[in-house]
Amino acid sequence: MKEKYWVVTHNADTTETGLPTRKTYIKTIWQGFEAQQSSEMDILSDFCFNRFGNKTAYVQGVAPCPNWTIHQSNEHQFNESMPIMWGGMSTKTMQLILGIGDHGKVSVLSEVKRA
């Protein structure tokens, strides 16, 4: 099993800024054939589309902005799960542990809301 870490910024502010308002920290555990792990980012993108919706949002219905983005991360950042500061307050973050198996099957192994 090979583990990787990711952070997804999501929930774009579509009222004014287009900036993300939330973060989800993800640890993936590859459970499929090792040779297929090169598709892990694509499989994770499919998961994010299903969880967070379209990749593009529109500020005030007009200006396109990213609704969610994926970045590689590390174990330390996953454990810290730093929130986004929004309007002077920190937003809640989510920690997910995902098992990714054959044919892109994704299983949520753990889901923890962090303050």
PDB file of N, CA and C in Angstrom:
ATOM      1  N   MET A   1       0.842  -1.194   0.000  1.00  0.00           N
ATOM      2  CA  MET A   1       0.000   0.000   0.000  1.00  0.00           C
ATOM      3  C   MET A   1       0.878   1.245   0.000  1.00  0.00           C
ATOM      4  N   LYS A   2       0.548   2.155  -0.881  1.00  0.00           N
ATOM      5  CA  LYS A   2       1.276   3.415  -0.931  1.00  0.00           C
ATOM      6  C   LYS A   2       0.332   4.549  -0.568  1.00  0.00           C
ATOM      7  N   GLU A   3       0.766   5.377   0.366  1.00  0.00           N
ATOM      8  CA  GLU A   3      -0.043   6.496   0.828  1.00  0.00           C
ATOM      9  C   GLU A   3       0.432   7.787   0.185  1.00  0.00           C
ATOM     10  N   LYS A   4      -0.521   8.653  -0.122  1.00  0.00           N
ATOM     11  CA  LYS A   4      -0.222  10.000  -0.614  1.00  0.00           C
ATOM     12  C   LYS A   4      -1.129  10.969   0.120  1.00  0.00           C
ATOM     13  N   TYR A   5      -0.705  12.220   0.139  1.00  0.00           N
ATOM     14  CA  TYR A   5      -1.457  13.255   0.848  1.00  0.00           C
ATOM     15  C   TYR A   5      -1.812  14.373  -0.117  1.00  0.00           C
ATOM     16  N   TRP A   6      -3.003  14.941   0.095  1.00  0.00           N
ATOM     17  CA  TRP A   6      -3.538  15.968  -0.783  1.00  0.00           C
ATOM     18  C   TRP A   6      -4.301  16.984   0.054  1.00  0.00           C
ATOM     19  N   VAL A   7      -4.430  18.189  -0.471  1.00  0.00           N
ATOM     20  CA  VAL A   7      -5.335  19.174   0.116  1.00  0.00           C
ATOM     21  C   VAL A   7      -6.195  19.714  -1.020  1.00  0.00           C
ATOM     22  N   VAL A   8      -7.483  19.790  -0.752  1.00  0.00           N
ATOM     23  CA  VAL A   8      -8.439  20.311  -1.723  1.00  0.00           C
ATOM     24  C   VAL A   8      -9.023  21.596  -1.140  1.00  0.00           C
ATOM     25  N   THR A   9      -8.867  22.695  -1.871  1.00  0.00           N
ATOM     26  CA  THR A   9      -9.558  23.926  -1.495  1.00  0.00           C
ATOM     27  C   THR A   9     -10.852  23.953  -2.305  1.00  0.00           C
ATOM     28  N   HIS A  10     -11.949  24.328  -1.669  1.00  0.00           N
ATOM     29  CA  HIS A  10     -13.249  24.224  -2.345  1.00  0.00           C
ATOM     30  C   HIS A  10     -14.257  25.216  -1.792  1.00  0.00           C
ATOM     31  N   ASN A  11     -15.450  25.160  -2.344  1.00  0.00           N
ATOM     32  CA  ASN A  11     -16.554  26.047  -1.994  1.00  0.00           C
ATOM     33  C   ASN A  11     -16.192  27.506  -2.266  1.00  0.00           C
ATOM     34  N   ALA A  12     -16.036  27.818  -3.531  1.00  0.00           N
ATOM     35  CA  ALA A  12     -15.693  29.187  -3.932  1.00  0.00           C
ATOM     36  C   ALA A  12     -16.761  30.170  -3.466  1.00  0.00           C
ATOM     37  N   ASP A  13     -16.306  31.323  -3.015  1.00  0.00           N
ATOM     38  CA  ASP A  13     -17.209  32.420  -2.676  1.00  0.00           C
ATOM     39  C   ASP A  13     -17.718  33.006  -3.987  1.00  0.00           C
ATOM     40  N   THR A  14     -18.957  32.746  -4.301  1.00  0.00           N
ATOM     41  CA  THR A  14     -19.509  33.221  -5.568  1.00  0.00           C
ATOM     42  C   THR A  14     -20.254  34.563  -5.418  1.00  0.00           C
ATOM     43  N   THR A  15     -20.149  35.156  -4.234  1.00  0.00           N
ATOM     44  CA  THR A  15     -20.783  36.451  -4.024  1.00  0.00           C
ATOM     45  C   THR A  15     -19.884  37.585  -4.482  1.00  0.00           C
ATOM     46  N   GLU A  16     -18.573  37.496  -4.110  1.00  0.00           N
ATOM     47  CA  GLU A  16     -17.696  38.610  -4.444  1.00  0.00           C
ATOM     48  C   GLU A  16     -16.309  38.219  -4.926  1.00  0.00           C
ATOM     49  N   THR A  17     -15.623  37.301  -4.229  1.00  0.00           N
ATOM     50  CA  THR A  17     -14.184  37.134  -4.475  1.00  0.00           C
ATOM     51  C   THR A  17     -13.801  35.960  -5.376  1.00  0.00           C
ATOM     52  N   GLY A  18     -14.571  34.895  -5.360  1.00  0.00           N
ATOM     53  CA  GLY A  18     -14.188  33.692  -6.089  1.00  0.00           C
ATOM     54  C   GLY A  18     -13.169  32.853  -5.352  1.00  0.00           C
ATOM     55  N   LEU A  19     -12.749  33.275  -4.163  1.00  0.00           N
ATOM     56  CA  LEU A  19     -11.757  32.531  -3.395  1.00  0.00           C
ATOM     57  C   LEU A  19     -12.393  31.342  -2.679  1.00  0.00           C
ATOM     58  N   PRO A  20     -11.611  30.278  -2.437  1.00  0.00           N
ATOM     59  CA  PRO A  20     -12.169  29.120  -1.722  1.00  0.00           C
ATOM     60  C   PRO A  20     -12.437  29.459  -0.259  1.00  0.00           C
ATOM     61  N   THR A  21     -13.463  28.856   0.301  1.00  0.00           N
ATOM     62  CA  THR A  21     -13.819  29.108   1.699  1.00  0.00           C
ATOM     63  C   THR A  21     -13.565  27.898   2.591  1.00  0.00           C
ATOM     64  N   ARG A  22     -13.241  26.744   2.029  1.00  0.00           N
ATOM     65  CA  ARG A  22     -13.040  25.511   2.812  1.00  0.00           C
ATOM     66  C   ARG A  22     -11.839  24.722   2.303  1.00  0.00           C
ATOM     67  N   LYS A  23     -11.322  23.860   3.185  1.00  0.00           N
ATOM     68  CA  LYS A  23     -10.256  22.934   2.830  1.00  0.00           C
ATOM     69  C   LYS A  23     -10.623  21.538   3.302  1.00  0.00           C
ATOM     70  N   THR A  24     -10.274  20.551   2.490  1.00  0.00           N
ATOM     71  CA  THR A  24     -10.382  19.150   2.891  1.00  0.00           C
ATOM     72  C   THR A  24      -9.010  18.527   2.689  1.00  0.00           C
ATOM     73  N   TYR A  25      -8.503  17.922   3.748  1.00  0.00           N
ATOM     74  CA  TYR A  25      -7.210  17.241   3.703  1.00  0.00           C
ATOM     75  C   TYR A  25      -7.480  15.764   3.462  1.00  0.00           C
ATOM     76  N   ILE A  26      -6.782  15.197   2.505  1.00  0.00           N
ATOM     77  CA  ILE A  26      -7.051  13.815   2.087  1.00  0.00           C
ATOM     78  C   ILE A  26      -5.776  12.988   2.136  1.00  0.00           C
ATOM     79  N   LYS A  27      -5.907  11.816   2.706  1.00  0.00           N
ATOM     80  CA  LYS A  27      -4.855  10.799   2.642  1.00  0.00           C
ATOM     81  C   LYS A  27      -5.414   9.679   1.779  1.00  0.00           C
ATOM     82  N   THR A  28      -4.699   9.336   0.720  1.00  0.00           N
ATOM     83  CA  THR A  28      -5.144   8.227  -0.122  1.00  0.00           C
ATOM     84  C   THR A  28      -4.249   7.029   0.137  1.00  0.00           C
ATOM     85  N   ILE A  29      -4.883   5.882   0.182  1.00  0.00           N
ATOM     86  CA  ILE A  29      -4.174   4.615   0.326  1.00  0.00           C
ATOM     87  C   ILE A  29      -4.472   3.808  -0.921  1.00  0.00           C
ATOM     88  N   TRP A  30      -3.454   3.566  -1.708  1.00  0.00           N
ATOM     89  CA  TRP A  30      -3.634   2.845  -2.965  1.00  0.00           C
ATOM     90  C   TRP A  30      -3.810   1.359  -2.665  1.00  0.00           C
ATOM     91  N   GLN A  31      -4.937   0.783  -3.099  1.00  0.00           N
ATOM     92  CA  GLN A  31      -5.252  -0.617  -2.817  1.00  0.00           C
ATOM     93  C   GLN A  31      -5.389  -1.444  -4.085  1.00  0.00           C
ATOM     94  N   GLY A  32      -5.141  -0.833  -5.231  1.00  0.00           N
ATOM     95  CA  GLY A  32      -5.284  -1.528  -6.509  1.00  0.00           C
ATOM     96  C   GLY A  32      -3.945  -2.005  -7.036  1.00  0.00           C
ATOM     97  N   PHE A  33      -3.929  -2.331  -8.318  1.00  0.00           N
ATOM     98  CA  PHE A  33      -2.692  -2.749  -8.966  1.00  0.00           C
ATOM     99  C   PHE A  33      -1.715  -1.584  -8.981  1.00  0.00           C
ATOM    100  N   GLU A  34      -0.489  -1.842  -8.601  1.00  0.00           N
ATOM    101  CA  GLU A  34       0.515  -0.789  -8.498  1.00  0.00           C
ATOM    102  C   GLU A  34       0.709  -0.037  -9.817  1.00  0.00           C
ATOM    103  N   ALA A  35       0.654  -0.736 -10.921  1.00  0.00           N
ATOM    104  CA  ALA A  35       0.872  -0.115 -12.231  1.00  0.00           C
ATOM    105  C   ALA A  35      -0.211   0.910 -12.581  1.00  0.00           C
ATOM    106  N   GLN A  36      -1.363   0.842 -11.929  1.00  0.00           N
ATOM    107  CA  GLN A  36      -2.456   1.765 -12.224  1.00  0.00           C
ATOM    108  C   GLN A  36      -2.425   3.025 -11.351  1.00  0.00           C
ATOM    109  N   GLN A  37      -1.483   3.093 -10.408  1.00  0.00           N
ATOM    110  CA  GLN A  37      -1.448   4.231  -9.498  1.00  0.00           C
ATOM    111  C   GLN A  37      -1.122   5.539 -10.211  1.00  0.00           C
ATOM    112  N   SER A  38      -0.600   5.464 -11.411  1.00  0.00           N
ATOM    113  CA  SER A  38      -0.325   6.693 -12.161  1.00  0.00           C
ATOM    114  C   SER A  38      -1.608   7.466 -12.473  1.00  0.00           C
ATOM    115  N   SER A  39      -2.757   6.832 -12.331  1.00  0.00           N
ATOM    116  CA  SER A  39      -4.057   7.486 -12.568  1.00  0.00           C
ATOM    117  C   SER A  39      -4.697   8.001 -11.284  1.00  0.00           C
ATOM    118  N   GLU A  40      -3.963   7.988 -10.192  1.00  0.00           N
ATOM    119  CA  GLU A  40      -4.542   8.357  -8.898  1.00  0.00           C
ATOM    120  C   GLU A  40      -5.111   9.777  -8.890  1.00  0.00           C
ATOM    121  N   MET A  41      -4.392  10.735  -9.470  1.00  0.00           N
ATOM    122  CA  MET A  41      -4.874  12.118  -9.498  1.00  0.00           C
ATOM    123  C   MET A  41      -6.183  12.227 -10.283  1.00  0.00           C
ATOM    124  N   ASP A  42      -6.292  11.504 -11.385  1.00  0.00           N
ATOM    125  CA  ASP A  42      -7.527  11.531 -12.174  1.00  0.00           C
ATOM    126  C   ASP A  42      -8.687  10.925 -11.383  1.00  0.00           C
ATOM    127  N   ILE A  43      -8.419   9.836 -10.678  1.00  0.00           N
ATOM    128  CA  ILE A  43      -9.461   9.192  -9.870  1.00  0.00           C
ATOM    129  C   ILE A  43      -9.885  10.128  -8.735  1.00  0.00           C
ATOM    130  N   LEU A  44      -8.908  10.779  -8.102  1.00  0.00           N
ATOM    131  CA  LEU A  44      -9.219  11.736  -7.043  1.00  0.00           C
ATOM    132  C   LEU A  44     -10.019  12.921  -7.596  1.00  0.00           C
ATOM    133  N   SER A  45      -9.709  13.353  -8.801  1.00  0.00           N
ATOM    134  CA  SER A  45     -10.484  14.434  -9.437  1.00  0.00           C
ATOM    135  C   SER A  45     -11.938  14.019  -9.642  1.00  0.00           C
ATOM    136  N   ASP A  46     -12.162  12.769 -10.059  1.00  0.00           N
ATOM    137  CA  ASP A  46     -13.539  12.272 -10.196  1.00  0.00           C
ATOM    138  C   ASP A  46     -14.256  12.285  -8.852  1.00  0.00           C
ATOM    139  N   PHE A  47     -13.553  11.869  -7.800  1.00  0.00           N
ATOM    140  CA  PHE A  47     -14.130  11.883  -6.451  1.00  0.00           C
ATOM    141  C   PHE A  47     -14.518  13.315  -6.066  1.00  0.00           C
ATOM    142  N   CYS A  48     -13.615  14.274  -6.320  1.00  0.00           N
ATOM    143  CA  CYS A  48     -13.890  15.671  -5.967  1.00  0.00           C
ATOM    144  C   CYS A  48     -15.070  16.227  -6.757  1.00  0.00           C
ATOM    145  N   PHE A  49     -15.181  15.865  -8.027  1.00  0.00           N
ATOM    146  CA  PHE A  49     -16.330  16.303  -8.819  1.00  0.00           C
ATOM    147  C   PHE A  49     -17.630  15.802  -8.189  1.00  0.00           C
ATOM    148  N   ASN A  50     -17.641  14.535  -7.778  1.00  0.00           N
ATOM    149  CA  ASN A  50     -18.845  13.965  -7.157  1.00  0.00           C
ATOM    150  C   ASN A  50     -19.137  14.594  -5.799  1.00  0.00           C
ATOM    151  N   ARG A  51     -18.120  14.976  -5.073  1.00  0.00           N
ATOM    152  CA  ARG A  51     -18.305  15.515  -3.716  1.00  0.00           C
ATOM    153  C   ARG A  51     -18.536  17.028  -3.706  1.00  0.00           C
ATOM    154  N   PHE A  52     -17.792  17.775  -4.537  1.00  0.00           N
ATOM    155  CA  PHE A  52     -17.827  19.235  -4.484  1.00  0.00           C
ATOM    156  C   PHE A  52     -18.514  19.888  -5.679  1.00  0.00           C
ATOM    157  N   GLY A  53     -18.872  19.101  -6.680  1.00  0.00           N
ATOM    158  CA  GLY A  53     -19.579  19.646  -7.833  1.00  0.00           C
ATOM    159  C   GLY A  53     -18.650  20.058  -8.960  1.00  0.00           C
ATOM    160  N   ASN A  54     -19.176  20.887  -9.828  1.00  0.00           N
ATOM    161  CA  ASN A  54     -18.412  21.332 -10.997  1.00  0.00           C
ATOM    162  C   ASN A  54     -17.090  21.959 -10.598  1.00  0.00           C
ATOM    163  N   LYS A  55     -16.106  21.799 -11.433  1.00  0.00           N
ATOM    164  CA  LYS A  55     -14.782  22.351 -11.166  1.00  0.00           C
ATOM    165  C   LYS A  55     -14.779  23.874 -11.294  1.00  0.00           C
ATOM    166  N   THR A  56     -15.699  24.412 -12.054  1.00  0.00           N
ATOM    167  CA  THR A  56     -15.778  25.861 -12.259  1.00  0.00           C
ATOM    168  C   THR A  56     -17.051  26.404 -11.620  1.00  0.00           C
ATOM    169  N   ALA A  57     -16.897  27.498 -10.875  1.00  0.00           N
ATOM    170  CA  ALA A  57     -18.038  28.233 -10.320  1.00  0.00           C
ATOM    171  C   ALA A  57     -18.031  29.615 -10.967  1.00  0.00           C
ATOM    172  N   TYR A  58     -19.077  30.379 -10.722  1.00  0.00           N
ATOM    173  CA  TYR A  58     -19.184  31.710 -11.336  1.00  0.00           C
ATOM    174  C   TYR A  58     -19.531  32.748 -10.275  1.00  0.00           C
ATOM    175  N   VAL A  59     -18.644  33.742 -10.140  1.00  0.00           N
ATOM    176  CA  VAL A  59     -18.879  34.832  -9.203  1.00  0.00           C
ATOM    177  C   VAL A  59     -20.014  35.683  -9.744  1.00  0.00           C
ATOM    178  N   GLN A  60     -21.045  35.852  -8.941  1.00  0.00           N
ATOM    179  CA  GLN A  60     -22.246  36.593  -9.303  1.00  0.00           C
ATOM    180  C   GLN A  60     -22.817  36.114 -10.638  1.00  0.00           C
ATOM    181  N   GLY A  61     -22.618  34.816 -10.907  1.00  0.00           N
ATOM    182  CA  GLY A  61     -23.175  34.216 -12.110  1.00  0.00           C
ATOM    183  C   GLY A  61     -22.475  34.594 -13.399  1.00  0.00           C
ATOM    184  N   VAL A  62     -21.349  35.327 -13.321  1.00  0.00           N
ATOM    185  CA  VAL A  62     -20.719  35.855 -14.528  1.00  0.00           C
ATOM    186  C   VAL A  62     -19.241  35.462 -14.670  1.00  0.00           C
ATOM    187  N   ALA A  63     -18.451  35.717 -13.670  1.00  0.00           N
ATOM    188  CA  ALA A  63     -16.995  35.537 -13.760  1.00  0.00           C
ATOM    189  C   ALA A  63     -16.582  34.129 -13.320  1.00  0.00           C
ATOM    190  N   PRO A  64     -15.981  33.348 -14.211  1.00  0.00           N
ATOM    191  CA  PRO A  64     -15.579  31.988 -13.839  1.00  0.00           C
ATOM    192  C   PRO A  64     -14.416  31.993 -12.845  1.00  0.00           C
ATOM    193  N   CYS A  65     -14.466  31.050 -11.900  1.00  0.00           N
ATOM    194  CA  CYS A  65     -13.397  30.862 -10.922  1.00  0.00           C
ATOM    195  C   CYS A  65     -13.359  29.387 -10.542  1.00  0.00           C
ATOM    196  N   PRO A  66     -12.240  28.910 -10.014  1.00  0.00           N
ATOM    197  CA  PRO A  66     -12.177  27.499  -9.606  1.00  0.00           C
ATOM    198  C   PRO A  66     -13.102  27.237  -8.422  1.00  0.00           C
ATOM    199  N   ASN A  67     -13.945  26.240  -8.532  1.00  0.00           N
ATOM    200  CA  ASN A  67     -14.796  25.832  -7.414  1.00  0.00           C
ATOM    201  C   ASN A  67     -14.027  24.917  -6.469  1.00  0.00           C
ATOM    202  N   TRP A  68     -13.094  24.150  -7.019  1.00  0.00           N
ATOM    203  CA  TRP A  68     -12.200  23.320  -6.198  1.00  0.00           C
ATOM    204  C   TRP A  68     -10.905  23.049  -6.953  1.00  0.00           C
ATOM    205  N   THR A  69      -9.821  22.908  -6.181  1.00  0.00           N
ATOM    206  CA  THR A  69      -8.524  22.570  -6.746  1.00  0.00           C
ATOM    207  C   THR A  69      -7.845  21.552  -5.831  1.00  0.00           C
ATOM    208  N   ILE A  70      -7.028  20.693  -6.419  1.00  0.00           N
ATOM    209  CA  ILE A  70      -6.294  19.662  -5.679  1.00  0.00           C
ATOM    210  C   ILE A  70      -4.805  20.002  -5.728  1.00  0.00           C
ATOM    211  N   HIS A  71      -4.157  19.895  -4.579  1.00  0.00           N
ATOM    212  CA  HIS A  71      -2.715  20.101  -4.488  1.00  0.00           C
ATOM    213  C   HIS A  71      -2.105  18.940  -3.706  1.00  0.00           C
ATOM    214  N   GLN A  72      -0.919  18.509  -4.116  1.00  0.00           N
ATOM    215  CA  GLN A  72      -0.237  17.502  -3.322  1.00  0.00           C
ATOM    216  C   GLN A  72       0.149  18.118  -1.990  1.00  0.00           C
ATOM    217  N   SER A  73       0.183  17.303  -0.966  1.00  0.00           N
ATOM    218  CA  SER A  73       0.447  17.765   0.380  1.00  0.00           C
ATOM    219  C   SER A  73       1.417  16.791   1.044  1.00  0.00           C
ATOM    220  N   ASN A  74       1.454  16.797   2.362  1.00  0.00           N
ATOM    221  CA  ASN A  74       2.309  15.858   3.089  1.00  0.00           C
ATOM    222  C   ASN A  74       1.635  15.471   4.407  1.00  0.00           C
ATOM    223  N   GLU A  75       2.238  14.519   5.081  1.00  0.00           N
ATOM    224  CA  GLU A  75       1.647  13.987   6.311  1.00  0.00           C
ATOM    225  C   GLU A  75       1.523  15.064   7.387  1.00  0.00           C
ATOM    226  N   HIS A  76       2.518  15.925   7.495  1.00  0.00           N
ATOM    227  CA  HIS A  76       2.468  16.990   8.499  1.00  0.00           C
ATOM    228  C   HIS A  76       1.276  17.924   8.261  1.00  0.00           C
ATOM    229  N   GLN A  77       1.088  18.359   7.014  1.00  0.00           N
ATOM    230  CA  GLN A  77      -0.041  19.239   6.705  1.00  0.00           C
ATOM    231  C   GLN A  77      -1.367  18.520   6.963  1.00  0.00           C
ATOM    232  N   PHE A  78      -1.442  17.231   6.640  1.00  0.00           N
ATOM    233  CA  PHE A  78      -2.659  16.458   6.901  1.00  0.00           C
ATOM    234  C   PHE A  78      -2.960  16.451   8.406  1.00  0.00           C
ATOM    235  N   ASN A  79      -1.941  16.182   9.218  1.00  0.00           N
ATOM    236  CA  ASN A  79      -2.145  16.116  10.671  1.00  0.00           C
ATOM    237  C   ASN A  79      -2.512  17.469  11.266  1.00  0.00           C
ATOM    238  N   GLU A  80      -1.950  18.547  10.730  1.00  0.00           N
ATOM    239  CA  GLU A  80      -2.248  19.901  11.222  1.00  0.00           C
ATOM    240  C   GLU A  80      -3.624  20.378  10.764  1.00  0.00           C
ATOM    241  N   SER A  81      -3.991  20.079   9.528  1.00  0.00           N
ATOM    242  CA  SER A  81      -5.285  20.478   8.943  1.00  0.00           C
ATOM    243  C   SER A  81      -5.625  21.937   9.215  1.00  0.00           C
ATOM    244  N   MET A  82      -4.742  22.823   8.776  1.00  0.00           N
ATOM    245  CA  MET A  82      -4.949  24.249   8.985  1.00  0.00           C
ATOM    246  C   MET A  82      -6.160  24.742   8.193  1.00  0.00           C
ATOM    247  N   PRO A  83      -7.025  25.501   8.836  1.00  0.00           N
ATOM    248  CA  PRO A  83      -8.219  26.014   8.154  1.00  0.00           C
ATOM    249  C   PRO A  83      -7.906  27.228   7.297  1.00  0.00           C
ATOM    250  N   ILE A  84      -8.878  27.647   6.524  1.00  0.00           N
ATOM    251  CA  ILE A  84      -8.826  28.920   5.813  1.00  0.00           C
ATOM    252  C   ILE A  84      -9.394  29.974   6.754  1.00  0.00           C
ATOM    253  N   MET A  85      -8.728  31.114   6.832  1.00  0.00           N
ATOM    254  CA  MET A  85      -9.270  32.235   7.599  1.00  0.00           C
ATOM    255  C   MET A  85     -10.228  32.981   6.670  1.00  0.00           C
ATOM    256  N   TRP A  86     -11.474  33.072   7.058  1.00  0.00           N
ATOM    257  CA  TRP A  86     -12.497  33.674   6.208  1.00  0.00           C
ATOM    258  C   TRP A  86     -13.291  34.672   7.032  1.00  0.00           C
ATOM    259  N   GLY A  87     -13.234  35.927   6.646  1.00  0.00           N
ATOM    260  CA  GLY A  87     -13.964  36.968   7.368  1.00  0.00           C
ATOM    261  C   GLY A  87     -13.504  37.099   8.807  1.00  0.00           C
ATOM    262  N   GLY A  88     -12.205  36.844   9.059  1.00  0.00           N
ATOM    263  CA  GLY A  88     -11.668  36.953  10.408  1.00  0.00           C
ATOM    264  C   GLY A  88     -11.875  35.721  11.267  1.00  0.00           C
ATOM    265  N   MET A  89     -12.512  34.706  10.725  1.00  0.00           N
ATOM    266  CA  MET A  89     -12.758  33.474  11.479  1.00  0.00           C
ATOM    267  C   MET A  89     -12.197  32.291  10.697  1.00  0.00           C
ATOM    268  N   SER A  90     -11.774  31.263  11.416  1.00  0.00           N
ATOM    269  CA  SER A  90     -11.270  30.070  10.733  1.00  0.00           C
ATOM    270  C   SER A  90     -12.443  29.156  10.382  1.00  0.00           C
ATOM    271  N   THR A  91     -12.379  28.603   9.185  1.00  0.00           N
ATOM    272  CA  THR A  91     -13.436  27.695   8.749  1.00  0.00           C
ATOM    273  C   THR A  91     -13.133  26.288   9.240  1.00  0.00           C
ATOM    274  N   LYS A  92     -14.150  25.467   9.307  1.00  0.00           N
ATOM    275  CA  LYS A  92     -13.946  24.070   9.676  1.00  0.00           C
ATOM    276  C   LYS A  92     -13.333  23.335   8.495  1.00  0.00           C
ATOM    277  N   THR A  93     -12.453  22.405   8.796  1.00  0.00           N
ATOM    278  CA  THR A  93     -11.828  21.600   7.757  1.00  0.00           C
ATOM    279  C   THR A  93     -12.269  20.155   7.923  1.00  0.00           C
ATOM    280  N   MET A  94     -12.021  19.367   6.884  1.00  0.00           N
ATOM    281  CA  MET A  94     -12.360  17.958   6.900  1.00  0.00           C
ATOM    282  C   MET A  94     -11.092  17.163   6.641  1.00  0.00           C
ATOM    283  N   GLN A  95     -10.960  16.043   7.312  1.00  0.00           N
ATOM    284  CA  GLN A  95      -9.898  15.077   7.035  1.00  0.00           C
ATOM    285  C   GLN A  95     -10.555  13.815   6.499  1.00  0.00           C
ATOM    286  N   LEU A  96     -10.119  13.397   5.331  1.00  0.00           N
ATOM    287  CA  LEU A  96     -10.631  12.158   4.734  1.00  0.00           C
ATOM    288  C   LEU A  96      -9.475  11.192   4.527  1.00  0.00           C
ATOM    289  N   ILE A  97      -9.749   9.923   4.767  1.00  0.00           N
ATOM    290  CA  ILE A  97      -8.837   8.866   4.361  1.00  0.00           C
ATOM    291  C   ILE A  97      -9.594   8.031   3.351  1.00  0.00           C
ATOM    292  N   LEU A  98      -9.033   7.935   2.147  1.00  0.00           N
ATOM    293  CA  LEU A  98      -9.679   7.235   1.044  1.00  0.00           C
ATOM    294  C   LEU A  98      -8.862   6.020   0.645  1.00  0.00           C
ATOM    295  N   GLY A  99      -9.539   4.916   0.415  1.00  0.00           N
ATOM    296  CA  GLY A  99      -8.918   3.749  -0.184  1.00  0.00           C
ATOM    297  C   GLY A  99      -9.268   3.753  -1.664  1.00  0.00           C
ATOM    298  N   ILE A 100      -8.253   3.661  -2.519  1.00  0.00           N
ATOM    299  CA  ILE A 100      -8.498   3.636  -3.958  1.00  0.00           C
ATOM    300  C   ILE A 100      -8.080   2.276  -4.479  1.00  0.00           C
ATOM    301  N   GLY A 101      -9.037   1.576  -5.094  1.00  0.00           N
ATOM    302  CA  GLY A 101      -8.778   0.221  -5.554  1.00  0.00           C
ATOM    303  C   GLY A 101      -8.908   0.053  -7.048  1.00  0.00           C
ATOM    304  N   ASP A 102      -9.100  -1.185  -7.445  1.00  0.00           N
ATOM    305  CA  ASP A 102      -9.201  -1.538  -8.857  1.00  0.00           C
ATOM    306  C   ASP A 102     -10.342  -0.801  -9.538  1.00  0.00           C
ATOM    307  N   HIS A 103     -10.121  -0.433 -10.773  1.00  0.00           N
ATOM    308  CA  HIS A 103     -11.107   0.251 -11.617  1.00  0.00           C
ATOM    309  C   HIS A 103     -11.571   1.579 -11.013  1.00  0.00           C
ATOM    310  N   GLY A 104     -10.696   2.223 -10.226  1.00  0.00           N
ATOM    311  CA  GLY A 104     -11.007   3.533  -9.679  1.00  0.00           C
ATOM    312  C   GLY A 104     -12.001   3.537  -8.544  1.00  0.00           C
ATOM    313  N   LYS A 105     -12.265   2.380  -7.952  1.00  0.00           N
ATOM    314  CA  LYS A 105     -13.206   2.327  -6.827  1.00  0.00           C
ATOM    315  C   LYS A 105     -12.622   3.100  -5.650  1.00  0.00           C
ATOM    316  N   VAL A 106     -13.409   4.035  -5.102  1.00  0.00           N
ATOM    317  CA  VAL A 106     -12.966   4.849  -3.980  1.00  0.00           C
ATOM    318  C   VAL A 106     -13.849   4.545  -2.773  1.00  0.00           C
ATOM    319  N   SER A 107     -13.204   4.215  -1.660  1.00  0.00           N
ATOM    320  CA  SER A 107     -13.915   3.946  -0.410  1.00  0.00           C
ATOM    321  C   SER A 107     -13.491   4.968   0.625  1.00  0.00           C
ATOM    322  N   VAL A 108     -14.461   5.565   1.305  1.00  0.00           N
ATOM    323  CA  VAL A 108     -14.152   6.487   2.400  1.00  0.00           C
ATOM    324  C   VAL A 108     -13.874   5.628   3.631  1.00  0.00           C
ATOM    325  N   LEU A 109     -12.621   5.614   4.062  1.00  0.00           N
ATOM    326  CA  LEU A 109     -12.221   4.802   5.211  1.00  0.00           C
ATOM    327  C   LEU A 109     -12.391   5.564   6.512  1.00  0.00           C
ATOM    328  N   SER A 110     -12.268   6.895   6.440  1.00  0.00           N
ATOM    329  CA  SER A 110     -12.425   7.729   7.629  1.00  0.00           C
ATOM    330  C   SER A 110     -12.799   9.141   7.178  1.00  0.00           C
ATOM    331  N   GLU A 111     -13.654   9.786   7.981  1.00  0.00           N
ATOM    332  CA  GLU A 111     -14.072  11.162   7.686  1.00  0.00           C
ATOM    333  C   GLU A 111     -14.226  11.873   9.025  1.00  0.00           C
ATOM    334  N   VAL A 112     -13.358  12.872   9.258  1.00  0.00           N
ATOM    335  CA  VAL A 112     -13.336  13.586  10.528  1.00  0.00           C
ATOM    336  C   VAL A 112     -13.422  15.075  10.279  1.00  0.00           C
ATOM    337  N   LYS A 113     -14.379  15.739  10.924  1.00  0.00           N
ATOM    338  CA  LYS A 113     -14.490  17.204  10.836  1.00  0.00           C
ATOM    339  C   LYS A 113     -13.591  17.801  11.903  1.00  0.00           C
ATOM    340  N   ARG A 114     -12.756  18.748  11.464  1.00  0.00           N
ATOM    341  CA  ARG A 114     -11.836  19.428  12.387  1.00  0.00           C
ATOM    342  C   ARG A 114     -12.302  20.862  12.596  1.00  0.00           C
ATOM    343  N   ALA A 115     -12.048  21.378  13.784  1.00  0.00           N
ATOM    344  CA  ALA A 115     -12.433  22.758  14.089  1.00  0.00           C
ATOM    345  C   ALA A 115     -11.489  23.734  13.439  1.00  0.00           C
TER     346      ALA A 115
END
